[in-house]
C-alpha atoms as a PDB file:
ATOM      1  CA  MET A   1     102.318 195.692 146.629  1.00  0.00           C
ATOM      2  CA  LEU A   2     100.544 192.595 148.357  1.00  0.00           C
ATOM      3  CA  LEU A   3     100.175 191.725 151.579  1.00  0.00           C
ATOM      4  CA  ILE A   4     100.613 188.135 153.184  1.00  0.00           C
ATOM      5  CA  SER A   5     100.303 187.374 156.707  1.00  0.00           C
ATOM      6  CA  ASN A   6     102.249 183.778 157.431  1.00  0.00           C
ATOM      7  CA  THR A   7      99.978 180.920 157.230  1.00  0.00           C
ATOM      8  CA  ASP A   8      99.475 179.892 161.328  1.00  0.00           C
ATOM      9  CA  SER A   9      98.925 183.408 162.337  1.00  0.00           C
ATOM     10  CA  ILE A  10      95.056 184.989 163.241  1.00  0.00           C
ATOM     11  CA  SER A  11      93.047 187.130 160.895  1.00  0.00           C
ATOM     12  CA  LEU A  12      95.008 190.158 160.634  1.00  0.00           C
ATOM     13  CA  CYS A  13      91.085 192.153 160.500  1.00  0.00           C
ATOM     14  CA  SER A  14      90.420 190.174 163.707  1.00  0.00           C
ATOM     15  CA  GLU A  15      93.187 191.958 165.892  1.00  0.00           C
ATOM     16  CA  LEU A  16      93.016 195.449 164.161  1.00  0.00           C
ATOM     17  CA  GLU A  17      91.776 196.791 167.477  1.00  0.00           C
ATOM     18  CA  ASP A  18      94.496 195.472 169.555  1.00  0.00           C
ATOM     19  CA  THR A  19      97.161 197.838 166.665  1.00  0.00           C
ATOM     20  CA  ASN A  20      97.127 201.505 165.597  1.00  0.00           C
ATOM     21  CA  LEU A  21      95.571 200.233 162.402  1.00  0.00           C
ATOM     22  CA  ALA A  22      91.945 200.641 163.763  1.00  0.00           C
ATOM     23  CA  ASN A  23      91.909 203.822 162.591  1.00  0.00           C
ATOM     24  CA  PHE A  24      93.968 202.920 158.939  1.00  0.00           C
ATOM     25  CA  GLY A  25      92.225 204.969 155.989  1.00  0.00           C
ATOM     26  CA  SER A  26      90.063 206.962 158.382  1.00  0.00           C
ATOM     27  CA  LYS A  27      89.483 210.636 157.934  1.00  0.00           C
ATOM     28  CA  LEU A  28      91.302 211.081 161.212  1.00  0.00           C
ATOM     29  CA  ASP A  29      93.909 209.039 159.613  1.00  0.00           C
ATOM     30  CA  LEU A  30      94.384 210.777 156.908  1.00  0.00           C
ATOM     31  CA  ASP A  31      94.411 214.221 158.040  1.00  0.00           C
ATOM     32  CA  HIS A  32      97.167 213.260 160.340  1.00  0.00           C
ATOM     33  CA  ARG A  33      99.148 212.131 157.591  1.00  0.00           C
ATOM     34  CA  GLN A  34      98.496 215.224 155.707  1.00  0.00           C
ATOM     35  CA  GLN A  35      99.686 217.168 158.645  1.00  0.00           C
ATOM     36  CA  GLU A  36     102.638 214.835 158.904  1.00  0.00           C
ATOM     37  CA  GLY A  37     103.175 215.566 155.042  1.00  0.00           C
ATOM     38  CA  ALA A  38     103.674 218.975 155.277  1.00  0.00           C
ATOM     39  CA  LEU A  39     106.573 218.818 157.584  1.00  0.00           C
ATOM     40  CA  GLU A  40     108.559 217.794 154.742  1.00  0.00           C
ATOM     41  CA  THR A  41     110.724 221.377 153.741  1.00  0.00           C
ATOM     42  CA  ALA A  42     111.554 219.331 150.421  1.00  0.00           C
ATOM     43  CA  TRP A  43     107.778 220.595 149.180  1.00  0.00           C
ATOM     44  CA  ASN A  44     106.044 222.708 151.523  1.00  0.00           C
ATOM     45  CA  GLN A  45     107.907 225.793 152.384  1.00  0.00           C
ATOM     46  CA  PRO A  46     106.851 229.677 152.103  1.00  0.00           C
ATOM     47  CA  LYS A  47     105.635 229.956 148.022  1.00  0.00           C
ATOM     48  CA  SER A  48     106.483 226.654 147.283  1.00  0.00           C
ATOM     49  CA  ARG A  49     104.300 225.174 144.629  1.00  0.00           C
ATOM     50  CA  VAL A  50     105.549 221.914 144.291  1.00  0.00           C
ATOM     51  CA  GLY A  51     102.745 219.789 143.726  1.00  0.00           C
ATOM     52  CA  LYS A  52     100.477 222.912 143.005  1.00  0.00           C
ATOM     53  CA  GLU A  53     100.707 223.724 139.654  1.00  0.00           C
ATOM     54  CA  THR A  54     102.341 221.974 136.898  1.00  0.00           C
ATOM     55  CA  GLY A  55     105.963 221.184 136.437  1.00  0.00           C
ATOM     56  CA  LEU A  56     108.617 218.492 137.334  1.00  0.00           C
ATOM     57  CA  TRP A  57     110.468 218.007 140.690  1.00  0.00           C
ATOM     58  CA  ILE A  58     113.225 215.801 141.437  1.00  0.00           C
ATOM     59  CA  TRP A  59     114.827 215.037 144.985  1.00  0.00           C
ATOM     60  CA  ARG A  60     117.732 213.066 145.731  1.00  0.00           C
ATOM     61  CA  VAL A  61     117.794 210.917 148.798  1.00  0.00           C
ATOM     62  CA  GLU A  62     120.927 212.016 151.292  1.00  0.00           C
ATOM     63  CA  ASP A  63     121.102 210.746 154.894  1.00  0.00           C
ATOM     64  CA  PHE A  64     117.636 209.942 154.681  1.00  0.00           C
ATOM     65  CA  ARG A  65     116.740 213.567 153.466  1.00  0.00           C
ATOM     66  CA  LEU A  66     115.879 215.218 150.512  1.00  0.00           C
ATOM     67  CA  VAL A  67     118.220 217.613 148.450  1.00  0.00           C
ATOM     68  CA  PRO A  68     116.501 218.826 145.725  1.00  0.00           C
ATOM     69  CA  VAL A  69     118.183 218.131 142.218  1.00  0.00           C
ATOM     70  CA  PRO A  70     119.588 221.045 140.256  1.00  0.00           C
ATOM     71  CA  THR A  71     117.463 221.267 136.936  1.00  0.00           C
ATOM     72  CA  ARG A  72     119.998 221.118 134.964  1.00  0.00           C
ATOM     73  CA  GLN A  73     121.300 217.859 136.024  1.00  0.00           C
ATOM     74  CA  TYR A  74     117.695 216.385 135.420  1.00  0.00           C
ATOM     75  CA  GLY A  75     117.570 212.975 133.633  1.00  0.00           C
ATOM     76  CA  LYS A  76     120.749 212.169 135.009  1.00  0.00           C
ATOM     77  CA  PHE A  77     120.830 209.739 137.922  1.00  0.00           C
ATOM     78  CA  TYR A  78     123.595 208.317 139.921  1.00  0.00           C
ATOM     79  CA  GLN A  79     123.415 204.518 140.049  1.00  0.00           C
ATOM     80  CA  GLY A  80     124.570 204.388 143.425  1.00  0.00           C
ATOM     81  CA  ASP A  81     121.383 206.397 144.426  1.00  0.00           C
ATOM     82  CA  SER A  82     117.852 206.775 145.266  1.00  0.00           C
ATOM     83  CA  TYR A  83     115.335 209.328 144.298  1.00  0.00           C
ATOM     84  CA  LEU A  84     112.134 211.028 144.219  1.00  0.00           C
ATOM     85  CA  LEU A  85     110.211 212.595 141.397  1.00  0.00           C
ATOM     86  CA  LEU A  86     107.434 214.249 140.959  1.00  0.00           C
ATOM     87  CA  ARG A  87     105.492 215.289 137.545  1.00  0.00           C
ATOM     88  CA  VAL A  88     102.473 217.566 137.593  1.00  0.00           C
ATOM     89  CA  SER A  89     100.473 218.039 134.062  1.00  0.00           C
ATOM     90  CA  SER A  90      97.276 219.200 133.277  1.00  0.00           C
ATOM     91  CA  ILE A  91      94.048 218.129 131.658  1.00  0.00           C
ATOM     92  CA  SER A  92      90.883 219.628 130.337  1.00  0.00           C
ATOM     93  CA  SER A  93      88.003 218.278 132.616  1.00  0.00           C
ATOM     94  CA  THR A  94      84.211 219.023 132.274  1.00  0.00           C
ATOM     95  CA  THR A  95      83.915 217.814 135.680  1.00  0.00           C
ATOM     96  CA  HIS A  96      85.462 220.590 137.106  1.00  0.00           C
ATOM     97  CA  GLY A  97      83.857 223.485 134.929  1.00  0.00           C
ATOM     98  CA  ASN A  98      85.903 223.398 131.835  1.00  0.00           C
ATOM     99  CA  SER A  99      89.398 224.246 133.757  1.00  0.00           C
ATOM    100  CA  ASP A 100      91.908 222.642 133.494  1.00  0.00           C
ATOM    101  CA  ALA A 101      92.430 219.296 136.320  1.00  0.00           C
ATOM    102  CA  LEU A 102      96.015 218.319 137.541  1.00  0.00           C
ATOM    103  CA  ILE A 103      97.266 215.304 137.088  1.00  0.00           C
ATOM    104  CA  HIS A 104      99.951 213.799 139.196  1.00  0.00           C
ATOM    105  CA  HIS A 105     102.419 210.920 138.868  1.00  0.00           C
ATOM    106  CA  LEU A 106     104.841 210.278 141.942  1.00  0.00           C
ATOM    107  CA  HIS A 107     107.702 208.310 141.252  1.00  0.00           C
ATOM    108  CA  PHE A 108     110.462 206.486 143.313  1.00  0.00           C
ATOM    109  CA  TRP A 109     113.330 205.840 141.228  1.00  0.00           C
ATOM    110  CA  LEU A 110     116.159 203.334 142.758  1.00  0.00           C
ATOM    111  CA  GLY A 111     119.677 203.030 141.480  1.00  0.00           C
ATOM    112  CA  LEU A 112     121.197 199.350 140.931  1.00  0.00           C
ATOM    113  CA  ASP A 113     123.708 200.168 143.482  1.00  0.00           C
ATOM    114  CA  THR A 114     121.562 202.101 146.082  1.00  0.00           C
ATOM    115  CA  SER A 115     121.175 200.839 149.626  1.00  0.00           C
ATOM    116  CA  GLN A 116     118.391 199.898 151.502  1.00  0.00           C
ATOM    117  CA  ASP A 117     118.173 202.243 153.704  1.00  0.00           C
ATOM    118  CA  GLU A 118     118.554 205.295 151.078  1.00  0.00           C
ATOM    119  CA  ALA A 119     115.132 202.679 149.041  1.00  0.00           C
ATOM    120  CA  GLY A 120     113.430 202.835 152.106  1.00  0.00           C
ATOM    121  CA  THR A 121     113.834 206.516 152.284  1.00  0.00           C
ATOM    122  CA  ALA A 122     112.617 207.053 148.578  1.00  0.00           C
ATOM    123  CA  ALA A 123     109.518 204.685 149.714  1.00  0.00           C
ATOM    124  CA  TYR A 124     108.832 206.188 152.543  1.00  0.00           C
ATOM    125  CA  LYS A 125     109.086 210.002 151.684  1.00  0.00           C
ATOM    126  CA  ALA A 126     106.947 209.055 148.452  1.00  0.00           C
ATOM    127  CA  VAL A 127     103.856 208.573 150.970  1.00  0.00           C
ATOM    128  CA  GLU A 128     104.380 211.836 152.967  1.00  0.00           C
ATOM    129  CA  LEU A 129     104.525 213.533 149.377  1.00  0.00           C
ATOM    130  CA  ASP A 130     101.219 211.404 148.709  1.00  0.00           C
ATOM    131  CA  ASP A 131      99.572 212.379 152.008  1.00  0.00           C
ATOM    132  CA  TYR A 132     100.868 215.800 151.779  1.00  0.00           C
ATOM    133  CA  LEU A 133      98.998 215.717 148.376  1.00  0.00           C
ATOM    134  CA  GLY A 134      95.742 214.733 149.469  1.00  0.00           C
ATOM    135  CA  SER A 135      96.142 211.181 148.030  1.00  0.00           C
ATOM    136  CA  ARG A 136      95.835 212.938 144.546  1.00  0.00           C
ATOM    137  CA  PRO A 137      99.321 211.096 143.149  1.00  0.00           C
ATOM    138  CA  VAL A 138      99.768 207.738 141.433  1.00  0.00           C
ATOM    139  CA  GLN A 139     102.496 206.244 142.697  1.00  0.00           C
ATOM    140  CA  HIS A 140     105.391 204.609 140.473  1.00  0.00           C
ATOM    141  CA  ARG A 141     108.098 202.247 141.538  1.00  0.00           C
ATOM    142  CA  GLU A 142     111.502 202.815 138.552  1.00  0.00           C
ATOM    143  CA  VAL A 143     114.250 200.158 138.579  1.00  0.00           C
ATOM    144  CA  GLN A 144     117.584 201.292 136.782  1.00  0.00           C
ATOM    145  CA  HIS A 145     117.124 199.978 133.228  1.00  0.00           C
ATOM    146  CA  GLN A 146     113.218 199.042 133.800  1.00  0.00           C
ATOM    147  CA  GLU A 147     112.018 202.497 133.940  1.00  0.00           C
ATOM    148  CA  SER A 148     108.743 202.702 132.961  1.00  0.00           C
ATOM    149  CA  GLU A 149     107.790 204.737 129.516  1.00  0.00           C
ATOM    150  CA  LEU A 150     106.264 207.228 131.354  1.00  0.00           C
ATOM    151  CA  PHE A 151     108.912 208.222 133.150  1.00  0.00           C
ATOM    152  CA  GLN A 152     111.080 207.450 129.856  1.00  0.00           C
ATOM    153  CA  SER A 153     108.920 210.444 128.316  1.00  0.00           C
ATOM    154  CA  TYR A 154     109.887 212.745 131.068  1.00  0.00           C
ATOM    155  CA  PHE A 155     113.299 213.567 129.609  1.00  0.00           C
ATOM    156  CA  PRO A 156     114.714 213.962 126.277  1.00  0.00           C
ATOM    157  CA  ARG A 157     117.567 210.900 127.607  1.00  0.00           C
ATOM    158  CA  ILE A 158     118.418 209.394 130.700  1.00  0.00           C
ATOM    159  CA  VAL A 159     121.992 208.623 131.879  1.00  0.00           C
ATOM    160  CA  TYR A 160     123.498 206.503 134.229  1.00  0.00           C
ATOM    161  CA  LEU A 161     126.429 208.276 136.212  1.00  0.00           C
ATOM    162  CA  HIS A 162     128.748 205.519 138.017  1.00  0.00           C
ATOM    163  CA  GLY A 163     129.127 206.750 142.388  1.00  0.00           C
ATOM    164  CA  GLY A 164     126.388 208.028 144.775  1.00  0.00           C
ATOM    165  CA  VAL A 165     125.973 209.677 148.239  1.00  0.00           C
ATOM    166  CA  SER A 166     126.908 205.946 149.881  1.00  0.00           C
ATOM    167  CA  SER A 167     130.379 206.119 148.530  1.00  0.00           C
ATOM    168  CA  GLY A 168     131.132 209.732 148.793  1.00  0.00           C
ATOM    169  CA  PHE A 169     130.195 211.137 145.800  1.00  0.00           C
ATOM    170  CA  HIS A 170     128.079 214.289 146.417  1.00  0.00           C
ATOM    171  CA  HIS A 171     126.328 216.747 143.746  1.00  0.00           C
ATOM    172  CA  HIS A 172     128.158 220.058 142.870  1.00  0.00           C
ATOM    173  CA  ASP A 173     126.345 220.789 140.021  1.00  0.00           C
ATOM    174  CA  GLU A 174     129.694 219.825 137.603  1.00  0.00           C
ATOM    175  CA  GLN A 175     131.066 223.274 137.446  1.00  0.00           C
ATOM    176  CA  GLU A 176     134.120 221.020 137.409  1.00  0.00           C
ATOM    177  CA  PRO A 177     133.293 218.273 134.461  1.00  0.00           C
ATOM    178  CA  VAL A 178     134.869 215.033 135.577  1.00  0.00           C
ATOM    179  CA  THR A 179     136.141 212.666 132.645  1.00  0.00           C
ATOM    180  CA  ARG A 180     134.041 209.980 132.072  1.00  0.00           C
ATOM    181  CA  LEU A 181     133.471 207.353 128.791  1.00  0.00           C
ATOM    182  CA  LEU A 182     129.372 207.054 128.333  1.00  0.00           C
ATOM    183  CA  GLN A 183     128.489 204.413 126.417  1.00  0.00           C
ATOM    184  CA  VAL A 184     125.675 205.008 123.777  1.00  0.00           C
ATOM    185  CA  HIS A 185     123.108 201.774 123.001  1.00  0.00           C
ATOM    186  CA  LYS A 186     120.462 201.243 121.285  1.00  0.00           C
ATOM    187  CA  PRO A 187     118.996 197.778 122.306  1.00  0.00           C
ATOM    188  CA  GLN A 188     118.050 195.011 120.594  1.00  0.00           C
ATOM    189  CA  ALA A 189     114.382 194.740 122.340  1.00  0.00           C
ATOM    190  CA  LEU A 190     113.658 198.150 121.412  1.00  0.00           C
ATOM    191  CA  SER A 191     113.202 197.375 117.220  1.00  0.00           C
ATOM    192  CA  GLY A 192     110.150 197.683 115.707  1.00  0.00           C
ATOM    193  CA  THR A 193     108.486 199.070 119.231  1.00  0.00           C
ATOM    194  CA  HIS A 194     107.407 203.073 119.347  1.00  0.00           C
ATOM    195  CA  THR A 195     110.329 203.452 121.460  1.00  0.00           C
ATOM    196  CA  ARG A 196     112.532 201.908 118.896  1.00  0.00           C
ATOM    197  CA  ASN A 197     114.446 205.240 118.635  1.00  0.00           C
ATOM    198  CA  ALA A 198     115.378 205.440 121.859  1.00  0.00           C
ATOM    199  CA  VAL A 199     119.016 204.593 123.392  1.00  0.00           C
ATOM    200  CA  ILE A 200     120.701 204.078 126.543  1.00  0.00           C
ATOM    201  CA  ILE A 201     123.779 206.559 127.816  1.00  0.00           C
ATOM    202  CA  SER A 202     125.753 204.839 130.462  1.00  0.00           C
ATOM    203  CA  GLU A 203     128.753 205.848 132.258  1.00  0.00           C
ATOM    204  CA  VAL A 204     131.647 202.483 131.975  1.00  0.00           C
ATOM    205  CA  PRO A 205     134.629 202.289 133.029  1.00  0.00           C
ATOM    206  CA  LEU A 206     137.223 204.696 131.690  1.00  0.00           C
ATOM    207  CA  HIS A 207     139.178 201.776 129.241  1.00  0.00           C
ATOM    208  CA  SER A 208     139.505 200.483 125.844  1.00  0.00           C
ATOM    209  CA  ASP A 209     137.865 197.204 127.103  1.00  0.00           C
ATOM    210  CA  SER A 210     134.326 199.307 127.431  1.00  0.00           C
ATOM    211  CA  LEU A 211     134.612 199.715 124.101  1.00  0.00           C
ATOM    212  CA  ASN A 212     132.636 197.767 121.298  1.00  0.00           C
ATOM    213  CA  SER A 213     131.953 197.841 117.259  1.00  0.00           C
ATOM    214  CA  GLY A 214     128.344 198.398 117.987  1.00  0.00           C
ATOM    215  CA  ASP A 215     128.118 201.396 119.737  1.00  0.00           C
ATOM    216  CA  VAL A 216     128.939 204.846 119.774  1.00  0.00           C
ATOM    217  CA  PHE A 217     131.105 206.215 122.735  1.00  0.00           C
ATOM    218  CA  VAL A 218     130.985 209.888 124.652  1.00  0.00           C
ATOM    219  CA  LEU A 219     134.701 210.540 126.184  1.00  0.00           C
ATOM    220  CA  ASP A 220     134.147 213.625 127.909  1.00  0.00           C
ATOM    221  CA  THR A 221     136.829 215.935 129.269  1.00  0.00           C
ATOM    222  CA  GLY A 222     135.437 218.849 129.765  1.00  0.00           C
ATOM    223  CA  ASP A 223     137.076 221.283 127.192  1.00  0.00           C
ATOM    224  CA  LYS A 224     137.014 218.341 124.712  1.00  0.00           C
ATOM    225  CA  VAL A 225     134.664 215.927 123.782  1.00  0.00           C
ATOM    226  CA  TYR A 226     135.105 212.967 121.693  1.00  0.00           C
ATOM    227  CA  GLN A 227     132.198 211.092 119.962  1.00  0.00           C
ATOM    228  CA  TRP A 228     133.846 207.740 119.054  1.00  0.00           C
ATOM    229  CA  GLN A 229     131.918 205.694 116.654  1.00  0.00           C
ATOM    230  CA  GLY A 230     131.922 202.388 116.726  1.00  0.00           C
ATOM    231  CA  GLN A 231     132.324 200.936 112.496  1.00  0.00           C
ATOM    232  CA  GLU A 232     128.626 198.872 113.385  1.00  0.00           C
ATOM    233  CA  SER A 233     127.099 201.514 115.452  1.00  0.00           C
ATOM    234  CA  GLN A 234     123.511 202.670 114.393  1.00  0.00           C
ATOM    235  CA  GLY A 235     122.851 205.944 113.204  1.00  0.00           C
ATOM    236  CA  VAL A 236     120.054 206.811 115.685  1.00  0.00           C
ATOM    237  CA  GLU A 237     123.110 206.081 118.424  1.00  0.00           C
ATOM    238  CA  LYS A 238     125.449 208.535 115.690  1.00  0.00           C
ATOM    239  CA  ALA A 239     122.094 211.165 116.659  1.00  0.00           C
ATOM    240  CA  LYS A 240     121.686 210.581 120.217  1.00  0.00           C
ATOM    241  CA  ALA A 241     124.879 210.922 120.862  1.00  0.00           C
ATOM    242  CA  ALA A 242     125.681 214.028 119.165  1.00  0.00           C
ATOM    243  CA  GLU A 243     122.638 215.608 120.838  1.00  0.00           C
ATOM    244  CA  TYR A 244     124.373 214.609 124.275  1.00  0.00           C
ATOM    245  CA  ILE A 245     127.292 216.713 123.624  1.00  0.00           C
ATOM    246  CA  ALA A 246     125.566 219.751 122.179  1.00  0.00           C
ATOM    247  CA  GLN A 247     123.318 219.482 125.504  1.00  0.00           C
ATOM    248  CA  LEU A 248     126.651 219.005 127.458  1.00  0.00           C
ATOM    249  CA  ILE A 249     128.397 221.873 125.751  1.00  0.00           C
ATOM    250  CA  SER A 250     125.368 224.537 126.217  1.00  0.00           C
ATOM    251  CA  GLU A 251     125.575 224.039 129.962  1.00  0.00           C
ATOM    252  CA  ARG A 252     128.531 224.907 129.955  1.00  0.00           C
ATOM    253  CA  ASP A 253     127.920 227.980 128.355  1.00  0.00           C
ATOM    254  CA  GLY A 254     129.517 226.542 125.186  1.00  0.00           C
ATOM    255  CA  LYS A 255     132.946 225.709 126.047  1.00  0.00           C
ATOM    256  CA  GLY A 256     134.060 222.796 124.580  1.00  0.00           C
ATOM    257  CA  GLU A 257     135.069 221.484 121.471  1.00  0.00           C
ATOM    258  CA  THR A 258     133.277 218.380 119.538  1.00  0.00           C
ATOM    259  CA  VAL A 259     135.631 215.476 118.250  1.00  0.00           C
ATOM    260  CA  ILE A 260     135.005 212.991 115.791  1.00  0.00           C
ATOM    261  CA  VAL A 261     136.600 209.947 116.164  1.00  0.00           C
ATOM    262  CA  GLU A 262     135.644 206.700 113.726  1.00  0.00           C
ATOM    263  CA  GLU A 263     136.788 203.497 114.556  1.00  0.00           C
ATOM    264  CA  GLN A 264     137.785 202.339 110.964  1.00  0.00           C
ATOM    265  CA  SER A 265     139.586 205.976 110.348  1.00  0.00           C
ATOM    266  CA  GLY A 266     143.057 204.791 111.749  1.00  0.00           C
ATOM    267  CA  ALA A 267     142.891 208.601 113.181  1.00  0.00           C
ATOM    268  CA  HIS A 268     142.324 209.169 116.950  1.00  0.00           C
ATOM    269  CA  ASN A 269     142.930 212.856 117.447  1.00  0.00           C
ATOM    270  CA  GLY A 270     144.341 212.290 120.886  1.00  0.00           C
ATOM    271  CA  PHE A 271     141.179 210.080 121.885  1.00  0.00           C
ATOM    272  CA  TRP A 272     143.748 206.973 123.174  1.00  0.00           C
ATOM    273  CA  ASP A 273     145.974 209.274 124.765  1.00  0.00           C
ATOM    274  CA  VAL A 274     143.134 210.810 127.417  1.00  0.00           C
ATOM    275  CA  LEU A 275     140.912 207.332 127.104  1.00  0.00           C
ATOM    276  CA  GLY A 276     144.882 206.172 128.902  1.00  0.00           C
ATOM    277  CA  SER A 277     144.834 202.801 126.838  1.00  0.00           C
ATOM    278  CA  HIS A 278     144.176 201.331 123.493  1.00  0.00           C
ATOM    279  CA  GLY A 279     143.683 197.485 123.252  1.00  0.00           C
ATOM    280  CA  PRO A 280     141.331 195.622 120.877  1.00  0.00           C
ATOM    281  CA  ILE A 281     137.980 196.128 120.115  1.00  0.00           C
ATOM    282  CA  LYS A 282     135.430 194.370 121.296  1.00  0.00           C
ATOM    283  CA  SER A 283     133.096 193.100 118.511  1.00  0.00           C
ATOM    284  CA  ALA A 284     128.889 194.461 118.175  1.00  0.00           C
ATOM    285  CA  ALA A 285     127.610 191.080 119.410  1.00  0.00           C
ATOM    286  CA  GLU A 286     129.905 191.351 122.989  1.00  0.00           C
ATOM    287  CA  GLY A 287     128.918 194.506 123.371  1.00  0.00           C
ATOM    288  CA  GLU A 288     125.379 193.987 122.879  1.00  0.00           C
ATOM    289  CA  LYS A 289     125.559 190.369 125.373  1.00  0.00           C
ATOM    290  CA  THR A 290     127.005 192.534 127.857  1.00  0.00           C
ATOM    291  CA  ALA A 291     124.723 195.451 127.127  1.00  0.00           C
ATOM    292  CA  GLU A 292     121.541 193.319 128.106  1.00  0.00           C
ATOM    293  CA  ARG A 293     123.358 191.744 130.753  1.00  0.00           C
ATOM    294  CA  GLN A 294     123.116 194.857 132.122  1.00  0.00           C
ATOM    295  CA  ILE A 295     119.461 195.908 131.242  1.00  0.00           C
ATOM    296  CA  GLN A 296     118.452 192.134 132.895  1.00  0.00           C
ATOM    297  CA  GLN A 297     120.360 193.131 135.905  1.00  0.00           C
ATOM    298  CA  GLY A 298     117.612 195.530 137.171  1.00  0.00           C
ATOM    299  CA  SER A 299     114.717 192.640 136.543  1.00  0.00           C
ATOM    300  CA  GLY A 300     114.535 189.340 138.605  1.00  0.00           C
ATOM    301  CA  GLN A 301     116.705 190.097 141.328  1.00  0.00           C
ATOM    302  CA  LYS A 302     115.218 188.810 144.472  1.00  0.00           C
ATOM    303  CA  ARG A 303     115.691 191.271 147.673  1.00  0.00           C
ATOM    304  CA  LEU A 304     114.791 190.341 150.987  1.00  0.00           C
ATOM    305  CA  PHE A 305     114.447 193.094 153.864  1.00  0.00           C
ATOM    306  CA  ARG A 306     113.543 193.020 157.948  1.00  0.00           C
ATOM    307  CA  LEU A 307     111.722 195.837 159.027  1.00  0.00           C
ATOM    308  CA  VAL A 308     113.561 197.103 162.158  1.00  0.00           C
ATOM    309  CA  HIS A 309     113.815 200.473 163.995  1.00  0.00           C
ATOM    310  CA  GLY A 310     116.721 202.422 164.608  1.00  0.00           C
ATOM    311  CA  ASP A 311     118.182 205.261 167.122  1.00  0.00           C
ATOM    312  CA  GLY A 312     114.658 207.197 167.477  1.00  0.00           C
ATOM    313  CA  ASP A 313     112.138 204.581 166.359  1.00  0.00           C
ATOM    314  CA  GLY A 314     113.492 205.530 162.751  1.00  0.00           C
ATOM    315  CA  LEU A 315     112.061 202.870 160.410  1.00  0.00           C
ATOM    316  CA  GLN A 316     115.200 201.314 158.580  1.00  0.00           C
ATOM    317  CA  PHE A 317     115.319 198.306 156.234  1.00  0.00           C
ATOM    318  CA  LYS A 318     117.686 195.539 157.036  1.00  0.00           C
ATOM    319  CA  GLU A 319     118.920 193.160 154.042  1.00  0.00           C
ATOM    320  CA  VAL A 320     118.495 189.408 154.568  1.00  0.00           C
ATOM    321  CA  GLU A 321     119.449 186.310 152.358  1.00  0.00           C
ATOM    322  CA  PRO A 322     116.423 185.713 149.946  1.00  0.00           C
ATOM    323  CA  ARG A 323     115.729 182.100 151.854  1.00  0.00           C
ATOM    324  CA  GLN A 324     112.825 180.602 153.397  1.00  0.00           C
ATOM    325  CA  SER A 325     114.822 179.897 156.599  1.00  0.00           C
ATOM    326  CA  SER A 326     115.593 184.121 156.853  1.00  0.00           C
ATOM    327  CA  PHE A 327     111.062 184.499 157.879  1.00  0.00           C
ATOM    328  CA  ASP A 328     110.214 184.950 161.492  1.00  0.00           C
ATOM    329  CA  SER A 329     106.938 185.212 162.825  1.00  0.00           C
ATOM    330  CA  SER A 330     107.921 188.263 165.024  1.00  0.00           C
ATOM    331  CA  HIS A 331     108.602 190.556 162.418  1.00  0.00           C
ATOM    332  CA  VAL A 332     107.740 192.339 158.978  1.00  0.00           C
ATOM    333  CA  PHE A 333     109.575 191.508 155.868  1.00  0.00           C
ATOM    334  CA  ILE A 334     109.582 193.368 152.303  1.00  0.00           C
ATOM    335  CA  PHE A 335     109.908 190.766 149.175  1.00  0.00           C
ATOM    336  CA  ASP A 336     111.176 192.398 146.270  1.00  0.00           C
ATOM    337  CA  VAL A 337     111.023 190.034 143.195  1.00  0.00           C
ATOM    338  CA  GLY A 338     111.566 192.835 140.651  1.00  0.00           C
ATOM    339  CA  HIS A 339     108.099 193.041 138.939  1.00  0.00           C
ATOM    340  CA  GLN A 340     106.141 192.345 142.573  1.00  0.00           C
ATOM    341  CA  VAL A 341     106.912 193.976 146.142  1.00  0.00           C
ATOM    342  CA  TYR A 342     105.379 191.297 148.440  1.00  0.00           C
ATOM    343  CA  THR A 343     104.790 192.419 152.316  1.00  0.00           C
ATOM    344  CA  TRP A 344     104.742 189.358 154.571  1.00  0.00           C
ATOM    345  CA  VAL A 345     103.463 189.404 158.126  1.00  0.00           C
ATOM    346  CA  GLY A 346     104.622 187.614 161.073  1.00  0.00           C
ATOM    347  CA  ARG A 347     101.222 186.794 163.231  1.00  0.00           C
ATOM    348  CA  ASN A 348     103.887 188.167 166.424  1.00  0.00           C
ATOM    349  CA  ALA A 349     104.536 191.239 164.718  1.00  0.00           C
ATOM    350  CA  MET A 350     104.091 194.291 166.578  1.00  0.00           C
ATOM    351  CA  GLY A 351     101.200 196.476 165.618  1.00  0.00           C
ATOM    352  CA  THR A 352     103.794 199.539 164.738  1.00  0.00           C
ATOM    353  CA  ASP A 353     105.567 197.558 162.126  1.00  0.00           C
ATOM    354  CA  ARG A 354     102.147 196.477 160.834  1.00  0.00           C
ATOM    355  CA  ALA A 355     100.914 199.722 160.503  1.00  0.00           C
ATOM    356  CA  ASP A 356     104.458 200.987 158.761  1.00  0.00           C
ATOM    357  CA  ALA A 357     104.543 198.356 156.534  1.00  0.00           C
ATOM    358  CA  MET A 358     100.771 198.854 154.976  1.00  0.00           C
ATOM    359  CA  ILE A 359     101.989 202.499 155.204  1.00  0.00           C
ATOM    360  CA  VAL A 360     105.111 202.520 153.650  1.00  0.00           C
ATOM    361  CA  PHE A 361     104.219 200.034 151.343  1.00  0.00           C
ATOM    362  CA  ARG A 362     100.455 200.608 150.171  1.00  0.00           C
ATOM    363  CA  PRO A 363     100.193 200.754 146.068  1.00  0.00           C
END
């Protein structure tokens, strides 16, 4: 994160004594932030072991609150939501008397369709958890389709699902499965890399137009799961699809039937009836272009946010047009260009806004 002050402003450092940044970074400030972080019940409850032992914890942002994700749903992310994830591992440390030292990695994950309020809440809560853990975690910002290798290593596979809190969807631990069509795709960009066998599993529209000859598709109806295999699909895609289906059936206590459908076989075993449509199948090349566009959607997208104070002085983020005329000297702005996040501080911005920007978006 880079901090930028507009060119006609007085040096921020020279004004610190006039703002609540004067004690920023001091022991008093750190102790205060740790106390504030301890107020979050998502991780600080009686007998809670969050951050105190090895493990993985995931929360989803719902109405400015953190809601724990059921363990069986780990690795599944709704593209309309934002998530907070804490991974704690241990390493042998001679500096700690040969005892195991805990290593903390803190990620906030942003779906392509998440709202700015949810994204801002995830970032803010990441800072609170970081403060609660004494600033020990290494923080990471993750965007759908652009996740770090470290983040991907936590899961056997990552699955992107449609929907989110803002669209009225809420987790119900999927006790009643919803009919979905998912695409299993191995990006060309991974060929020749050490993650060459990784695939992306994404929910796509429930229609024959979503199919292409180069990928494998999973049609999940609950009691029956179809694995549709394009005639040019790769072996790793077939294998990963089979693993995913096996996991689904295991989560349902072994209830469910797997049906393999080959594009070129002509036999459909009810697949088209369940899908509800039957039309021309796109070529593998067309499918690759569509998949790569989706992957690139998460990178290079420029978004500009203005920090505002809502009801009860809560910090909120208002998205504005990403152009020069949107900036003004009375506010603080967050400029997200995908690979980097900039904070632009107006010379007449309130001291509290400056402090919030530095705290919420500090690296």
